[in-house]
Amino acid sequence: MTPGAALEFAALFGTVWWGWASYTFLVDRYEADDALHRLLMVTQMFGVAGVAAAFQLDEEGLKRAAAPFAMSYAVIRVSLVLMY
């Protein structure tokens, strides 16, 4: 693994981890179990699935994955903001 690839991995992992940590902070702080909360949680799950589906195991993976990753991550963050 090259240093550049390690840096890319760390940046992507940190981004996904930040989304998870933000959600866990929300549900630990504000307990809600209504239909809107569940709908937004499912929306976040689709965003996480989109993040996972964005990557291909080849040389051009990160270049092709940038836009789908960003859109999927935006879905995660927007639904989190709506949950607040």
C-alpha atoms as a PDB file:
ATOM      1  CA  MET A   1       0.000   0.000   0.000  1.00  0.00           C
ATOM      2  CA  THR A   2       1.366   3.352  -1.009  1.00  0.00           C
ATOM      3  CA  PRO A   3       1.306   6.333   1.347  1.00  0.00           C
ATOM      4  CA  GLY A   4      -1.203   8.046  -0.943  1.00  0.00           C
ATOM      5  CA  ALA A   5      -3.546   5.072  -0.821  1.00  0.00           C
ATOM      6  CA  ALA A   6      -3.212   4.930   2.963  1.00  0.00           C
ATOM      7  CA  LEU A   7      -4.100   8.626   3.173  1.00  0.00           C
ATOM      8  CA  GLU A   8      -7.117   8.130   0.903  1.00  0.00           C
ATOM      9  CA  PHE A   9      -8.268   5.203   3.040  1.00  0.00           C
ATOM     10  CA  ALA A  10      -7.859   7.210   6.246  1.00  0.00           C
ATOM     11  CA  ALA A  11      -9.836  10.134   4.810  1.00  0.00           C
ATOM     12  CA  LEU A  12     -12.690   7.933   3.591  1.00  0.00           C
ATOM     13  CA  PHE A  13     -12.754   5.894   6.788  1.00  0.00           C
ATOM     14  CA  GLY A  14     -12.790   9.066   8.868  1.00  0.00           C
ATOM     15  CA  THR A  15     -15.683  10.446   6.859  1.00  0.00           C
ATOM     16  CA  VAL A  16     -17.782   7.307   7.298  1.00  0.00           C
ATOM     17  CA  TRP A  17     -16.826   7.061  10.975  1.00  0.00           C
ATOM     18  CA  TRP A  18     -17.843  10.690  11.537  1.00  0.00           C
ATOM     19  CA  GLY A  19     -21.296   9.956  10.093  1.00  0.00           C
ATOM     20  CA  TRP A  20     -21.696   6.941  12.387  1.00  0.00           C
ATOM     21  CA  ALA A  21     -20.468   8.841  15.453  1.00  0.00           C
ATOM     22  CA  SER A  22     -22.835  11.733  14.724  1.00  0.00           C
ATOM     23  CA  TYR A  23     -25.796   9.378  14.509  1.00  0.00           C
ATOM     24  CA  THR A  24     -24.900   7.563  17.726  1.00  0.00           C
ATOM     25  CA  PHE A  25     -24.505  10.903  19.486  1.00  0.00           C
ATOM     26  CA  LEU A  26     -27.978  11.906  18.305  1.00  0.00           C
ATOM     27  CA  VAL A  27     -29.738   8.749  19.462  1.00  0.00           C
ATOM     28  CA  ASP A  28     -27.910   8.747  22.801  1.00  0.00           C
ATOM     29  CA  ARG A  29     -28.886  12.339  23.443  1.00  0.00           C
ATOM     30  CA  TYR A  30     -32.440  12.425  22.062  1.00  0.00           C
ATOM     31  CA  GLU A  31     -34.519   9.304  22.386  1.00  0.00           C
ATOM     32  CA  ALA A  32     -37.165   9.201  19.677  1.00  0.00           C
ATOM     33  CA  ASP A  33     -39.026   6.235  18.269  1.00  0.00           C
ATOM     34  CA  ASP A  34     -41.608   7.697  15.957  1.00  0.00           C
ATOM     35  CA  ALA A  35     -42.322   6.985  12.308  1.00  0.00           C
ATOM     36  CA  LEU A  36     -40.367   9.990  10.992  1.00  0.00           C
ATOM     37  CA  HIS A  37     -37.288   8.986  12.966  1.00  0.00           C
ATOM     38  CA  ARG A  38     -37.462   5.453  11.589  1.00  0.00           C
ATOM     39  CA  LEU A  39     -37.962   6.717   8.023  1.00  0.00           C
ATOM     40  CA  LEU A  40     -34.926   8.980   8.282  1.00  0.00           C
ATOM     41  CA  MET A  41     -32.915   6.126   9.791  1.00  0.00           C
ATOM     42  CA  VAL A  42     -33.785   3.904   6.818  1.00  0.00           C
ATOM     43  CA  THR A  43     -32.794   6.772   4.527  1.00  0.00           C
ATOM     44  CA  GLN A  44     -29.411   6.859   6.247  1.00  0.00           C
ATOM     45  CA  MET A  45     -29.063   3.112   5.760  1.00  0.00           C
ATOM     46  CA  PHE A  46     -29.598   3.586   2.023  1.00  0.00           C
ATOM     47  CA  GLY A  47     -26.933   6.294   2.123  1.00  0.00           C
ATOM     48  CA  VAL A  48     -24.498   3.890   3.795  1.00  0.00           C
ATOM     49  CA  ALA A  49     -25.325   1.253   1.184  1.00  0.00           C
ATOM     50  CA  GLY A  50     -24.604   3.849  -1.504  1.00  0.00           C
ATOM     51  CA  VAL A  51     -21.239   4.622   0.083  1.00  0.00           C
ATOM     52  CA  ALA A  52     -20.366   0.925   0.036  1.00  0.00           C
ATOM     53  CA  ALA A  53     -21.595   0.455  -3.531  1.00  0.00           C
ATOM     54  CA  ALA A  54     -19.595   3.432  -4.809  1.00  0.00           C
ATOM     55  CA  PHE A  55     -16.261   1.640  -4.689  1.00  0.00           C
ATOM     56  CA  GLN A  56     -14.754  -0.769  -7.190  1.00  0.00           C
ATOM     57  CA  LEU A  57     -11.610  -2.807  -6.601  1.00  0.00           C
ATOM     58  CA  ASP A  58      -9.491  -1.496  -9.474  1.00  0.00           C
ATOM     59  CA  GLU A  59      -6.956   1.235 -10.230  1.00  0.00           C
ATOM     60  CA  GLU A  60      -9.558   3.886 -11.051  1.00  0.00           C
ATOM     61  CA  GLY A  61     -11.815   3.092  -8.075  1.00  0.00           C
ATOM     62  CA  LEU A  62     -11.389   6.305  -6.119  1.00  0.00           C
ATOM     63  CA  LYS A  63     -11.652   8.548  -9.164  1.00  0.00           C
ATOM     64  CA  ARG A  64     -14.923   6.947 -10.245  1.00  0.00           C
ATOM     65  CA  ALA A  65     -16.243   6.693  -6.692  1.00  0.00           C
ATOM     66  CA  ALA A  66     -15.853  10.362  -5.745  1.00  0.00           C
ATOM     67  CA  ALA A  67     -19.215  11.650  -6.984  1.00  0.00           C
ATOM     68  CA  PRO A  68     -21.348   8.656  -5.852  1.00  0.00           C
ATOM     69  CA  PHE A  69     -19.567   8.679  -2.475  1.00  0.00           C
ATOM     70  CA  ALA A  70     -20.207  12.408  -2.027  1.00  0.00           C
ATOM     71  CA  MET A  71     -23.880  12.089  -2.967  1.00  0.00           C
ATOM     72  CA  SER A  72     -24.413   9.109  -0.664  1.00  0.00           C
ATOM     73  CA  TYR A  73     -22.630  10.864   2.184  1.00  0.00           C
ATOM     74  CA  ALA A  74     -24.778  13.954   1.587  1.00  0.00           C
ATOM     75  CA  VAL A  75     -27.886  11.770   1.976  1.00  0.00           C
ATOM     76  CA  ILE A  76     -26.532  10.557   5.314  1.00  0.00           C
ATOM     77  CA  ARG A  77     -25.761  14.059   6.588  1.00  0.00           C
ATOM     78  CA  VAL A  78     -28.994  15.674   5.353  1.00  0.00           C
ATOM     79  CA  SER A  79     -31.114  12.978   6.989  1.00  0.00           C
ATOM     80  CA  LEU A  80     -29.134  13.438  10.194  1.00  0.00           C
ATOM     81  CA  VAL A  81     -29.776  17.180  10.123  1.00  0.00           C
ATOM     82  CA  LEU A  82     -33.482  16.508   9.561  1.00  0.00           C
ATOM     83  CA  MET A  83     -33.462  14.162  12.569  1.00  0.00           C
ATOM     84  CA  TYR A  84     -32.310  17.026  14.788  1.00  0.00           C
END
